[in-house]
Amino acid sequence: MLLIVCPYCGKRPELEFTYGGQAHLARPVEPAELDDQAWTDFLYMRTNIKGIYAERWRHARGCGRFFNALRDTTTDHFLSFYKTGEPMPDIAAAKASAALGNRALPENGK
C-alpha cells in the first residue's frame, strides 16, 4: 500500500486521501473580464507532464486539510510534502533526497 505523509497528521495509507489536481494555480484577478475560452482554460486545462509534478491532495478521511506534494509521475514516488501556502520545495533537493531513499518526509511532515 502507498503511504502518503500528511504535513498535519503524519504518514497514513493512501486510502485516506483524495487527489486535488495541479497545485499552485492562481484564480484570475478579474474573473468577470474573462471570455469563455479563458474560463475554459482556467477550469479545465492543466499541465500534464511526465516527471516531477506539484499536486494538491486532501486528507479526506483524516484532518480534512489540503496540502501539496511533489510526485514523480514516471515512478509514482512522492518526493516531498508541504502545507498549502508554503513555497514549492527545490526540485533538485527533492530529487537528491529521493535518490538517497528518502521518498517521504519524517512522521511529523517536516
PDB file of N, CA and C in Angstrom:
ATOM      1  N   MET A   1       0.844  -1.174   0.000  1.00  0.00           N
ATOM      2  CA  MET A   1       0.000   0.000   0.000  1.00  0.00           C
ATOM      3  C   MET A   1       0.891   1.239   0.000  1.00  0.00           C
ATOM      4  N   LEU A   2       0.492   2.228  -0.759  1.00  0.00           N
ATOM      5  CA  LEU A   2       1.203   3.503  -0.821  1.00  0.00           C
ATOM      6  C   LEU A   2       0.932   4.300   0.445  1.00  0.00           C
ATOM      7  N   LEU A   3       1.990   4.844   1.026  1.00  0.00           N
ATOM      8  CA  LEU A   3       1.850   5.697   2.208  1.00  0.00           C
ATOM      9  C   LEU A   3       2.085   7.141   1.800  1.00  0.00           C
ATOM     10  N   ILE A   4       1.216   8.020   2.244  1.00  0.00           N
ATOM     11  CA  ILE A   4       1.301   9.448   1.959  1.00  0.00           C
ATOM     12  C   ILE A   4       1.483  10.158   3.290  1.00  0.00           C
ATOM     13  N   VAL A   5       2.352  11.170   3.298  1.00  0.00           N
ATOM     14  CA  VAL A   5       2.633  11.907   4.523  1.00  0.00           C
ATOM     15  C   VAL A   5       1.802  13.193   4.533  1.00  0.00           C
ATOM     16  N   CYS A   6       0.819  13.239   5.406  1.00  0.00           N
ATOM     17  CA  CYS A   6       0.063  14.469   5.617  1.00  0.00           C
ATOM     18  C   CYS A   6       0.944  15.379   6.476  1.00  0.00           C
ATOM     19  N   PRO A   7       1.195  16.626   6.047  1.00  0.00           N
ATOM     20  CA  PRO A   7       2.034  17.520   6.850  1.00  0.00           C
ATOM     21  C   PRO A   7       1.439  17.841   8.220  1.00  0.00           C
ATOM     22  N   TYR A   8       0.165  17.554   8.413  1.00  0.00           N
ATOM     23  CA  TYR A   8      -0.510  17.849   9.676  1.00  0.00           C
ATOM     24  C   TYR A   8      -0.631  16.609  10.570  1.00  0.00           C
ATOM     25  N   CYS A   9      -0.787  15.422   9.959  1.00  0.00           N
ATOM     26  CA  CYS A   9      -1.077  14.199  10.722  1.00  0.00           C
ATOM     27  C   CYS A   9       0.019  13.147  10.654  1.00  0.00           C
ATOM     28  N   GLY A  10       0.904  13.241   9.687  1.00  0.00           N
ATOM     29  CA  GLY A  10       1.948  12.237   9.526  1.00  0.00           C
ATOM     30  C   GLY A  10       1.604  11.211   8.457  1.00  0.00           C
ATOM     31  N   LYS A  11       2.321  10.112   8.469  1.00  0.00           N
ATOM     32  CA  LYS A  11       2.217   9.077   7.440  1.00  0.00           C
ATOM     33  C   LYS A  11       0.936   8.274   7.618  1.00  0.00           C
ATOM     34  N   ARG A  12       0.180   8.145   6.513  1.00  0.00           N
ATOM     35  CA  ARG A  12      -1.093   7.418   6.524  1.00  0.00           C
ATOM     36  C   ARG A  12      -1.244   6.644   5.209  1.00  0.00           C
ATOM     37  N   PRO A  13      -2.111   5.625   5.179  1.00  0.00           N
ATOM     38  CA  PRO A  13      -2.351   4.871   3.942  1.00  0.00           C
ATOM     39  C   PRO A  13      -3.080   5.720   2.900  1.00  0.00           C
ATOM     40  N   GLU A  14      -2.789   5.435   1.643  1.00  0.00           N
ATOM     41  CA  GLU A  14      -3.349   6.212   0.534  1.00  0.00           C
ATOM     42  C   GLU A  14      -4.876   6.246   0.516  1.00  0.00           C
ATOM     43  N   LEU A  15      -5.535   5.268   1.097  1.00  0.00           N
ATOM     44  CA  LEU A  15      -6.994   5.215   1.088  1.00  0.00           C
ATOM     45  C   LEU A  15      -7.634   6.394   1.828  1.00  0.00           C
ATOM     46  N   GLU A  16      -6.866   7.062   2.669  1.00  0.00           N
ATOM     47  CA  GLU A  16      -7.392   8.198   3.425  1.00  0.00           C
ATOM     48  C   GLU A  16      -7.364   9.503   2.622  1.00  0.00           C
ATOM     49  N   PHE A  17      -6.776   9.498   1.437  1.00  0.00           N
ATOM     50  CA  PHE A  17      -6.534  10.726   0.692  1.00  0.00           C
ATOM     51  C   PHE A  17      -7.303  10.779  -0.625  1.00  0.00           C
ATOM     52  N   THR A  18      -7.571  11.995  -1.066  1.00  0.00           N
ATOM     53  CA  THR A  18      -8.136  12.216  -2.398  1.00  0.00           C
ATOM     54  C   THR A  18      -7.250  13.191  -3.152  1.00  0.00           C
ATOM     55  N   TYR A  19      -7.136  12.950  -4.438  1.00  0.00           N
ATOM     56  CA  TYR A  19      -6.323  13.789  -5.321  1.00  0.00           C
ATOM     57  C   TYR A  19      -7.067  15.084  -5.599  1.00  0.00           C
ATOM     58  N   GLY A  20      -6.359  16.201  -5.579  1.00  0.00           N
ATOM     59  CA  GLY A  20      -6.997  17.502  -5.779  1.00  0.00           C
ATOM     60  C   GLY A  20      -6.550  18.239  -7.015  1.00  0.00           C
ATOM     61  N   GLY A  21      -5.749  17.622  -7.868  1.00  0.00           N
ATOM     62  CA  GLY A  21      -5.328  18.272  -9.104  1.00  0.00           C
ATOM     63  C   GLY A  21      -4.000  18.988  -8.985  1.00  0.00           C
ATOM     64  N   GLN A  22      -3.742  19.814  -9.972  1.00  0.00           N
ATOM     65  CA  GLN A  22      -2.487  20.555 -10.048  1.00  0.00           C
ATOM     66  C   GLN A  22      -2.400  21.588  -8.927  1.00  0.00           C
ATOM     67  N   ALA A  23      -1.235  21.711  -8.329  1.00  0.00           N
ATOM     68  CA  ALA A  23      -1.013  22.681  -7.247  1.00  0.00           C
ATOM     69  C   ALA A  23      -0.579  24.029  -7.817  1.00  0.00           C
ATOM     70  N   HIS A  24      -0.681  25.039  -6.999  1.00  0.00           N
ATOM     71  CA  HIS A  24      -0.185  26.388  -7.276  1.00  0.00           C
ATOM     72  C   HIS A  24      -0.910  27.073  -8.438  1.00  0.00           C
ATOM     73  N   LEU A  25      -2.195  26.844  -8.566  1.00  0.00           N
ATOM     74  CA  LEU A  25      -2.983  27.555  -9.571  1.00  0.00           C
ATOM     75  C   LEU A  25      -3.545  28.836  -8.950  1.00  0.00           C
ATOM     76  N   ALA A  26      -3.432  29.934  -9.660  1.00  0.00           N
ATOM     77  CA  ALA A  26      -3.933  31.215  -9.149  1.00  0.00           C
ATOM     78  C   ALA A  26      -5.249  31.553  -9.844  1.00  0.00           C
ATOM     79  N   ARG A  27      -6.254  31.860  -9.047  1.00  0.00           N
ATOM     80  CA  ARG A  27      -7.548  32.267  -9.587  1.00  0.00           C
ATOM     81  C   ARG A  27      -7.387  33.609 -10.300  1.00  0.00           C
ATOM     82  N   PRO A  28      -8.082  33.830 -11.425  1.00  0.00           N
ATOM     83  CA  PRO A  28      -7.972  35.109 -12.131  1.00  0.00           C
ATOM     84  C   PRO A  28      -8.351  36.287 -11.233  1.00  0.00           C
ATOM     85  N   VAL A  29      -7.611  37.380 -11.353  1.00  0.00           N
ATOM     86  CA  VAL A  29      -7.834  38.564 -10.519  1.00  0.00           C
ATOM     87  C   VAL A  29      -9.173  39.224 -10.863  1.00  0.00           C
ATOM     88  N   GLU A  30      -9.475  39.346 -12.136  1.00  0.00           N
ATOM     89  CA  GLU A  30     -10.732  39.958 -12.602  1.00  0.00           C
ATOM     90  C   GLU A  30     -11.539  38.916 -13.390  1.00  0.00           C
ATOM     91  N   PRO A  31     -12.198  37.990 -12.711  1.00  0.00           N
ATOM     92  CA  PRO A  31     -12.889  36.909 -13.430  1.00  0.00           C
ATOM     93  C   PRO A  31     -14.007  37.392 -14.350  1.00  0.00           C
ATOM     94  N   ALA A  32     -14.649  38.492 -14.037  1.00  0.00           N
ATOM     95  CA  ALA A  32     -15.742  38.990 -14.871  1.00  0.00           C
ATOM     96  C   ALA A  32     -15.252  39.460 -16.237  1.00  0.00           C
ATOM     97  N   GLU A  33     -13.971  39.737 -16.355  1.00  0.00           N
ATOM     98  CA  GLU A  33     -13.419  40.234 -17.616  1.00  0.00           C
ATOM     99  C   GLU A  33     -12.924  39.124 -18.538  1.00  0.00           C
ATOM    100  N   LEU A  34     -12.982  37.875 -18.087  1.00  0.00           N
ATOM    101  CA  LEU A  34     -12.504  36.761 -18.911  1.00  0.00           C
ATOM    102  C   LEU A  34     -13.565  36.332 -19.913  1.00  0.00           C
ATOM    103  N   ASP A  35     -13.109  35.974 -21.103  1.00  0.00           N
ATOM    104  CA  ASP A  35     -14.049  35.437 -22.094  1.00  0.00           C
ATOM    105  C   ASP A  35     -14.215  33.933 -21.845  1.00  0.00           C
ATOM    106  N   ASP A  36     -15.092  33.312 -22.615  1.00  0.00           N
ATOM    107  CA  ASP A  36     -15.386  31.887 -22.405  1.00  0.00           C
ATOM    108  C   ASP A  36     -14.155  31.008 -22.567  1.00  0.00           C
ATOM    109  N   GLN A  37     -13.302  31.315 -23.542  1.00  0.00           N
ATOM    110  CA  GLN A  37     -12.107  30.488 -23.758  1.00  0.00           C
ATOM    111  C   GLN A  37     -11.141  30.600 -22.589  1.00  0.00           C
ATOM    112  N   ALA A  38     -10.971  31.793 -22.040  1.00  0.00           N
ATOM    113  CA  ALA A  38     -10.075  31.971 -20.893  1.00  0.00           C
ATOM    114  C   ALA A  38     -10.602  31.224 -19.676  1.00  0.00           C
ATOM    115  N   TRP A  39     -11.939  31.243 -19.456  1.00  0.00           N
ATOM    116  CA  TRP A  39     -12.522  30.493 -18.334  1.00  0.00           C
ATOM    117  C   TRP A  39     -12.350  28.995 -18.545  1.00  0.00           C
ATOM    118  N   THR A  40     -12.565  28.544 -19.765  1.00  0.00           N
ATOM    119  CA  THR A  40     -12.383  27.131 -20.075  1.00  0.00           C
ATOM    120  C   THR A  40     -10.954  26.697 -19.789  1.00  0.00           C
ATOM    121  N   ASP A  41      -9.994  27.515 -20.229  1.00  0.00           N
ATOM    122  CA  ASP A  41      -8.593  27.192 -19.985  1.00  0.00           C
ATOM    123  C   ASP A  41      -8.296  27.133 -18.498  1.00  0.00           C
ATOM    124  N   PHE A  42      -8.807  28.099 -17.716  1.00  0.00           N
ATOM    125  CA  PHE A  42      -8.562  28.111 -16.278  1.00  0.00           C
ATOM    126  C   PHE A  42      -9.182  26.903 -15.582  1.00  0.00           C
ATOM    127  N   LEU A  43     -10.408  26.558 -15.951  1.00  0.00           N
ATOM    128  CA  LEU A  43     -11.122  25.484 -15.265  1.00  0.00           C
ATOM    129  C   LEU A  43     -10.663  24.083 -15.651  1.00  0.00           C
ATOM    130  N   TYR A  44     -10.287  23.888 -16.915  1.00  0.00           N
ATOM    131  CA  TYR A  44     -10.081  22.524 -17.386  1.00  0.00           C
ATOM    132  C   TYR A  44      -8.686  22.191 -17.898  1.00  0.00           C
ATOM    133  N   MET A  45      -7.924  23.165 -18.326  1.00  0.00           N
ATOM    134  CA  MET A  45      -6.621  22.880 -18.914  1.00  0.00           C
ATOM    135  C   MET A  45      -5.555  22.867 -17.820  1.00  0.00           C
ATOM    136  N   ARG A  46      -4.854  21.767 -17.722  1.00  0.00           N
ATOM    137  CA  ARG A  46      -3.816  21.611 -16.717  1.00  0.00           C
ATOM    138  C   ARG A  46      -2.540  21.098 -17.371  1.00  0.00           C
ATOM    139  N   THR A  47      -1.436  21.414 -16.747  1.00  0.00           N
ATOM    140  CA  THR A  47      -0.164  20.875 -17.183  1.00  0.00           C
ATOM    141  C   THR A  47      -0.183  19.378 -16.889  1.00  0.00           C
ATOM    142  N   ASN A  48       0.252  18.594 -17.831  1.00  0.00           N
ATOM    143  CA  ASN A  48       0.257  17.143 -17.643  1.00  0.00           C
ATOM    144  C   ASN A  48       1.614  16.623 -18.095  1.00  0.00           C
ATOM    145  N   ILE A  49       2.589  16.802 -17.217  1.00  0.00           N
ATOM    146  CA  ILE A  49       3.953  16.477 -17.600  1.00  0.00           C
ATOM    147  C   ILE A  49       4.332  15.067 -17.180  1.00  0.00           C
ATOM    148  N   LYS A  50       5.375  14.570 -17.795  1.00  0.00           N
ATOM    149  CA  LYS A  50       5.976  13.304 -17.407  1.00  0.00           C
ATOM    150  C   LYS A  50       7.211  13.678 -16.593  1.00  0.00           C
ATOM    151  N   GLY A  51       7.161  13.401 -15.308  1.00  0.00           N
ATOM    152  CA  GLY A  51       8.262  13.782 -14.440  1.00  0.00           C
ATOM    153  C   GLY A  51       7.740  14.314 -13.120  1.00  0.00           C
ATOM    154  N   ILE A  52       8.462  15.238 -12.522  1.00  0.00           N
ATOM    155  CA  ILE A  52       8.099  15.767 -11.212  1.00  0.00           C
ATOM    156  C   ILE A  52       6.991  16.803 -11.375  1.00  0.00           C
ATOM    157  N   TYR A  53       5.946  16.617 -10.589  1.00  0.00           N
ATOM    158  CA  TYR A  53       4.711  17.391 -10.737  1.00  0.00           C
ATOM    159  C   TYR A  53       4.216  17.816  -9.355  1.00  0.00           C
ATOM    160  N   ALA A  54       3.835  19.087  -9.213  1.00  0.00           N
ATOM    161  CA  ALA A  54       3.285  19.588  -7.951  1.00  0.00           C
ATOM    162  C   ALA A  54       1.775  19.343  -7.949  1.00  0.00           C
ATOM    163  N   GLU A  55       1.290  18.640  -6.925  1.00  0.00           N
ATOM    164  CA  GLU A  55      -0.119  18.250  -6.852  1.00  0.00           C
ATOM    165  C   GLU A  55      -0.738  18.692  -5.531  1.00  0.00           C
ATOM    166  N   ARG A  56      -2.052  18.879  -5.564  1.00  0.00           N
ATOM    167  CA  ARG A  56      -2.829  19.116  -4.337  1.00  0.00           C
ATOM    168  C   ARG A  56      -3.426  17.790  -3.902  1.00  0.00           C
ATOM    169  N   TRP A  57      -3.422  17.556  -2.609  1.00  0.00           N
ATOM    170  CA  TRP A  57      -4.043  16.374  -2.037  1.00  0.00           C
ATOM    171  C   TRP A  57      -4.871  16.811  -0.839  1.00  0.00           C
ATOM    172  N   ARG A  58      -5.872  16.013  -0.496  1.00  0.00           N
ATOM    173  CA  ARG A  58      -6.707  16.281   0.671  1.00  0.00           C
ATOM    174  C   ARG A  58      -6.736  15.042   1.550  1.00  0.00           C
ATOM    175  N   HIS A  59      -6.502  15.242   2.834  1.00  0.00           N
ATOM    176  CA  HIS A  59      -6.578  14.133   3.788  1.00  0.00           C
ATOM    177  C   HIS A  59      -8.051  13.979   4.172  1.00  0.00           C
ATOM    178  N   ALA A  60      -8.820  13.441   3.246  1.00  0.00           N
ATOM    179  CA  ALA A  60     -10.283  13.388   3.348  1.00  0.00           C
ATOM    180  C   ALA A  60     -10.763  12.559   4.535  1.00  0.00           C
ATOM    181  N   ARG A  61     -10.100  11.468   4.834  1.00  0.00           N
ATOM    182  CA  ARG A  61     -10.535  10.599   5.935  1.00  0.00           C
ATOM    183  C   ARG A  61      -9.633  10.762   7.151  1.00  0.00           C
ATOM    184  N   GLY A  62      -9.178  11.992   7.314  1.00  0.00           N
ATOM    185  CA  GLY A  62      -8.319  12.327   8.444  1.00  0.00           C
ATOM    186  C   GLY A  62      -8.653  13.742   8.887  1.00  0.00           C
ATOM    187  N   CYS A  63      -7.681  14.632   8.808  1.00  0.00           N
ATOM    188  CA  CYS A  63      -7.887  16.010   9.273  1.00  0.00           C
ATOM    189  C   CYS A  63      -8.725  16.836   8.310  1.00  0.00           C
ATOM    190  N   GLY A  64      -8.891  16.377   7.059  1.00  0.00           N
ATOM    191  CA  GLY A  64      -9.697  17.096   6.081  1.00  0.00           C
ATOM    192  C   GLY A  64      -8.979  18.241   5.389  1.00  0.00           C
ATOM    193  N   ARG A  65      -7.726  18.466   5.715  1.00  0.00           N
ATOM    194  CA  ARG A  65      -6.989  19.594   5.150  1.00  0.00           C
ATOM    195  C   ARG A  65      -6.366  19.262   3.801  1.00  0.00           C
ATOM    196  N   PHE A  66      -6.196  20.325   2.997  1.00  0.00           N
ATOM    197  CA  PHE A  66      -5.460  20.215   1.747  1.00  0.00           C
ATOM    198  C   PHE A  66      -3.985  20.451   2.013  1.00  0.00           C
ATOM    199  N   PHE A  67      -3.143  19.830   1.199  1.00  0.00           N
ATOM    200  CA  PHE A  67      -1.708  20.070   1.240  1.00  0.00           C
ATOM    201  C   PHE A  67      -1.162  19.797  -0.156  1.00  0.00           C
ATOM    202  N   ASN A  68       0.096  20.114  -0.365  1.00  0.00           N
ATOM    203  CA  ASN A  68       0.730  19.912  -1.661  1.00  0.00           C
ATOM    204  C   ASN A  68       1.796  18.839  -1.568  1.00  0.00           C
ATOM    205  N   ALA A  69       2.091  18.234  -2.697  1.00  0.00           N
ATOM    206  CA  ALA A  69       3.120  17.205  -2.765  1.00  0.00           C
ATOM    207  C   ALA A  69       3.826  17.292  -4.106  1.00  0.00           C
ATOM    208  N   LEU A  70       5.102  16.955  -4.103  1.00  0.00           N
ATOM    209  CA  LEU A  70       5.839  16.760  -5.353  1.00  0.00           C
ATOM    210  C   LEU A  70       5.892  15.270  -5.591  1.00  0.00           C
ATOM    211  N   ARG A  71       5.434  14.866  -6.780  1.00  0.00           N
ATOM    212  CA  ARG A  71       5.409  13.433  -7.113  1.00  0.00           C
ATOM    213  C   ARG A  71       6.013  13.243  -8.490  1.00  0.00           C
ATOM    214  N   ASP A  72       6.818  12.216  -8.635  1.00  0.00           N
ATOM    215  CA  ASP A  72       7.376  11.868  -9.939  1.00  0.00           C
ATOM    216  C   ASP A  72       6.359  10.973 -10.640  1.00  0.00           C
ATOM    217  N   THR A  73       5.777  11.465 -11.710  1.00  0.00           N
ATOM    218  CA  THR A  73       4.720  10.715 -12.398  1.00  0.00           C
ATOM    219  C   THR A  73       5.259   9.507 -13.162  1.00  0.00           C
ATOM    220  N   THR A  74       6.564   9.441 -13.376  1.00  0.00           N
ATOM    221  CA  THR A  74       7.117   8.285 -14.076  1.00  0.00           C
ATOM    222  C   THR A  74       7.301   7.085 -13.148  1.00  0.00           C
ATOM    223  N   THR A  75       7.493   7.345 -11.859  1.00  0.00           N
ATOM    224  CA  THR A  75       7.717   6.265 -10.900  1.00  0.00           C
ATOM    225  C   THR A  75       6.619   6.177  -9.843  1.00  0.00           C
ATOM    226  N   ASP A  76       5.780   7.188  -9.757  1.00  0.00           N
ATOM    227  CA  ASP A  76       4.714   7.301  -8.764  1.00  0.00           C
ATOM    228  C   ASP A  76       5.255   7.458  -7.345  1.00  0.00           C
ATOM    229  N   HIS A  77       6.500   7.898  -7.209  1.00  0.00           N
ATOM    230  CA  HIS A  77       7.084   8.134  -5.892  1.00  0.00           C
ATOM    231  C   HIS A  77       6.902   9.597  -5.492  1.00  0.00           C
ATOM    232  N   PHE A  78       6.516   9.799  -4.254  1.00  0.00           N
ATOM    233  CA  PHE A  78       6.422  11.147  -3.706  1.00  0.00           C
ATOM    234  C   PHE A  78       7.811  11.595  -3.277  1.00  0.00           C
ATOM    235  N   LEU A  79       8.146  12.839  -3.605  1.00  0.00           N
ATOM    236  CA  LEU A  79       9.458  13.376  -3.261  1.00  0.00           C
ATOM    237  C   LEU A  79       9.397  14.317  -2.069  1.00  0.00           C
ATOM    238  N   SER A  80       8.261  14.991  -1.903  1.00  0.00           N
ATOM    239  CA  SER A  80       8.142  15.972  -0.831  1.00  0.00           C
ATOM    240  C   SER A  80       6.673  16.267  -0.556  1.00  0.00           C
ATOM    241  N   PHE A  81       6.388  16.660   0.681  1.00  0.00           N
ATOM    242  CA  PHE A  81       5.048  17.066   1.100  1.00  0.00           C
ATOM    243  C   PHE A  81       5.175  18.407   1.813  1.00  0.00           C
ATOM    244  N   TYR A  82       4.241  19.316   1.570  1.00  0.00           N
ATOM    245  CA  TYR A  82       4.302  20.617   2.223  1.00  0.00           C
ATOM    246  C   TYR A  82       2.912  21.217   2.327  1.00  0.00           C
ATOM    247  N   LYS A  83       2.742  22.095   3.301  1.00  0.00           N
ATOM    248  CA  LYS A  83       1.443  22.697   3.575  1.00  0.00           C
ATOM    249  C   LYS A  83       1.034  23.668   2.473  1.00  0.00           C
ATOM    250  N   THR A  84      -0.265  23.797   2.248  1.00  0.00           N
ATOM    251  CA  THR A  84      -0.789  24.769   1.302  1.00  0.00           C
ATOM    252  C   THR A  84      -0.353  26.160   1.748  1.00  0.00           C
ATOM    253  N   GLY A  85       0.097  26.965   0.799  1.00  0.00           N
ATOM    254  CA  GLY A  85       0.567  28.304   1.118  1.00  0.00           C
ATOM    255  C   GLY A  85       2.069  28.392   1.262  1.00  0.00           C
ATOM    256  N   GLU A  86       2.720  27.262   1.511  1.00  0.00           N
ATOM    257  CA  GLU A  86       4.177  27.248   1.580  1.00  0.00           C
ATOM    258  C   GLU A  86       4.734  27.189   0.166  1.00  0.00           C
ATOM    259  N   PRO A  87       5.930  27.746  -0.047  1.00  0.00           N
ATOM    260  CA  PRO A  87       6.523  27.673  -1.383  1.00  0.00           C
ATOM    261  C   PRO A  87       6.889  26.236  -1.750  1.00  0.00           C
ATOM    262  N   MET A  88       6.915  25.969  -3.049  1.00  0.00           N
ATOM    263  CA  MET A  88       7.275  24.640  -3.525  1.00  0.00           C
ATOM    264  C   MET A  88       8.744  24.368  -3.195  1.00  0.00           C
ATOM    265  N   PRO A  89       9.053  23.196  -2.666  1.00  0.00           N
ATOM    266  CA  PRO A  89      10.448  22.859  -2.354  1.00  0.00           C
ATOM    267  C   PRO A  89      11.301  22.832  -3.626  1.00  0.00           C
ATOM    268  N   ASP A  90      12.582  22.992  -3.438  1.00  0.00           N
ATOM    269  CA  ASP A  90      13.529  22.925  -4.540  1.00  0.00           C
ATOM    270  C   ASP A  90      13.490  21.521  -5.150  1.00  0.00           C
ATOM    271  N   ILE A  91      13.244  21.443  -6.439  1.00  0.00           N
ATOM    272  CA  ILE A  91      13.111  20.140  -7.105  1.00  0.00           C
ATOM    273  C   ILE A  91      14.423  19.370  -7.077  1.00  0.00           C
ATOM    274  N   ALA A  92      15.540  20.057  -7.240  1.00  0.00           N
ATOM    275  CA  ALA A  92      16.834  19.368  -7.216  1.00  0.00           C
ATOM    276  C   ALA A  92      17.076  18.725  -5.849  1.00  0.00           C
ATOM    277  N   ALA A  93      16.734  19.439  -4.787  1.00  0.00           N
ATOM    278  CA  ALA A  93      16.904  18.886  -3.442  1.00  0.00           C
ATOM    279  C   ALA A  93      15.957  17.708  -3.229  1.00  0.00           C
ATOM    280  N   ALA A  94      14.727  17.820  -3.751  1.00  0.00           N
ATOM    281  CA  ALA A  94      13.765  16.715  -3.615  1.00  0.00           C
ATOM    282  C   ALA A  94      14.251  15.484  -4.369  1.00  0.00           C
ATOM    283  N   LYS A  95      14.845  15.686  -5.551  1.00  0.00           N
ATOM    284  CA  LYS A  95      15.390  14.561  -6.322  1.00  0.00           C
ATOM    285  C   LYS A  95      16.543  13.898  -5.565  1.00  0.00           C
ATOM    286  N   ALA A  96      17.408  14.721  -5.003  1.00  0.00           N
ATOM    287  CA  ALA A  96      18.554  14.182  -4.261  1.00  0.00           C
ATOM    288  C   ALA A  96      18.086  13.379  -3.062  1.00  0.00           C
ATOM    289  N   SER A  97      17.098  13.880  -2.359  1.00  0.00           N
ATOM    290  CA  SER A  97      16.554  13.177  -1.209  1.00  0.00           C
ATOM    291  C   SER A  97      15.946  11.840  -1.628  1.00  0.00           C
ATOM    292  N   ALA A  98      15.230  11.838  -2.747  1.00  0.00           N
ATOM    293  CA  ALA A  98      14.619  10.601  -3.240  1.00  0.00           C
ATOM    294  C   ALA A  98      15.689   9.607  -3.677  1.00  0.00           C
ATOM    295  N   ALA A  99      16.761  10.101  -4.259  1.00  0.00           N
ATOM    296  CA  ALA A  99      17.840   9.217  -4.698  1.00  0.00           C
ATOM    297  C   ALA A  99      18.509   8.520  -3.521  1.00  0.00           C
ATOM    298  N   LEU A 100      18.480   9.172  -2.364  1.00  0.00           N
ATOM    299  CA  LEU A 100      19.054   8.571  -1.163  1.00  0.00           C
ATOM    300  C   LEU A 100      18.089   7.626  -0.464  1.00  0.00           C
ATOM    301  N   GLY A 101      16.880   7.499  -1.017  1.00  0.00           N
ATOM    302  CA  GLY A 101      15.902   6.592  -0.432  1.00  0.00           C
ATOM    303  C   GLY A 101      14.915   7.265   0.486  1.00  0.00           C
ATOM    304  N   ASN A 102      14.987   8.572   0.644  1.00  0.00           N
ATOM    305  CA  ASN A 102      14.051   9.312   1.490  1.00  0.00           C
ATOM    306  C   ASN A 102      12.893   9.791   0.643  1.00  0.00           C
ATOM    307  N   ARG A 103      12.016   8.911   0.291  1.00  0.00           N
ATOM    308  CA  ARG A 103      10.919   9.242  -0.607  1.00  0.00           C
ATOM    309  C   ARG A 103       9.821  10.062   0.063  1.00  0.00           C
ATOM    310  N   ALA A 104       9.855  10.172   1.337  1.00  0.00           N
ATOM    311  CA  ALA A 104       8.844  10.939   2.057  1.00  0.00           C
ATOM    312  C   ALA A 104       9.505  11.642   3.226  1.00  0.00           C
ATOM    313  N   LEU A 105       8.827  12.593   3.769  1.00  0.00           N
ATOM    314  CA  LEU A 105       9.319  13.306   4.930  1.00  0.00           C
ATOM    315  C   LEU A 105       9.112  12.459   6.179  1.00  0.00           C
ATOM    316  N   PRO A 106       9.779  12.811   7.265  1.00  0.00           N
ATOM    317  CA  PRO A 106       9.564  12.067   8.511  1.00  0.00           C
ATOM    318  C   PRO A 106       8.117  12.145   8.980  1.00  0.00           C
ATOM    319  N   GLU A 107       7.812  11.403  10.003  1.00  0.00           N
ATOM    320  CA  GLU A 107       6.449  11.295  10.533  1.00  0.00           C
ATOM    321  C   GLU A 107       5.785  12.650  10.782  1.00  0.00           C
ATOM    322  N   ASN A 108       6.539  13.638  11.240  1.00  0.00           N
ATOM    323  CA  ASN A 108       5.932  14.931  11.554  1.00  0.00           C
ATOM    324  C   ASN A 108       5.704  15.787  10.324  1.00  0.00           C
ATOM    325  N   GLY A 109       6.125  15.324   9.124  1.00  0.00           N
ATOM    326  CA  GLY A 109       5.890  16.049   7.898  1.00  0.00           C
ATOM    327  C   GLY A 109       6.876  17.151   7.633  1.00  0.00           C
ATOM    328  N   LYS A 110       7.955  17.282   8.432  1.00  0.00           N
ATOM    329  CA  LYS A 110       8.937  18.363   8.246  1.00  0.00           C
ATOM    330  C   LYS A 110      10.272  17.824   7.848  1.00  0.00           C
TER     331      LYS A 110
END
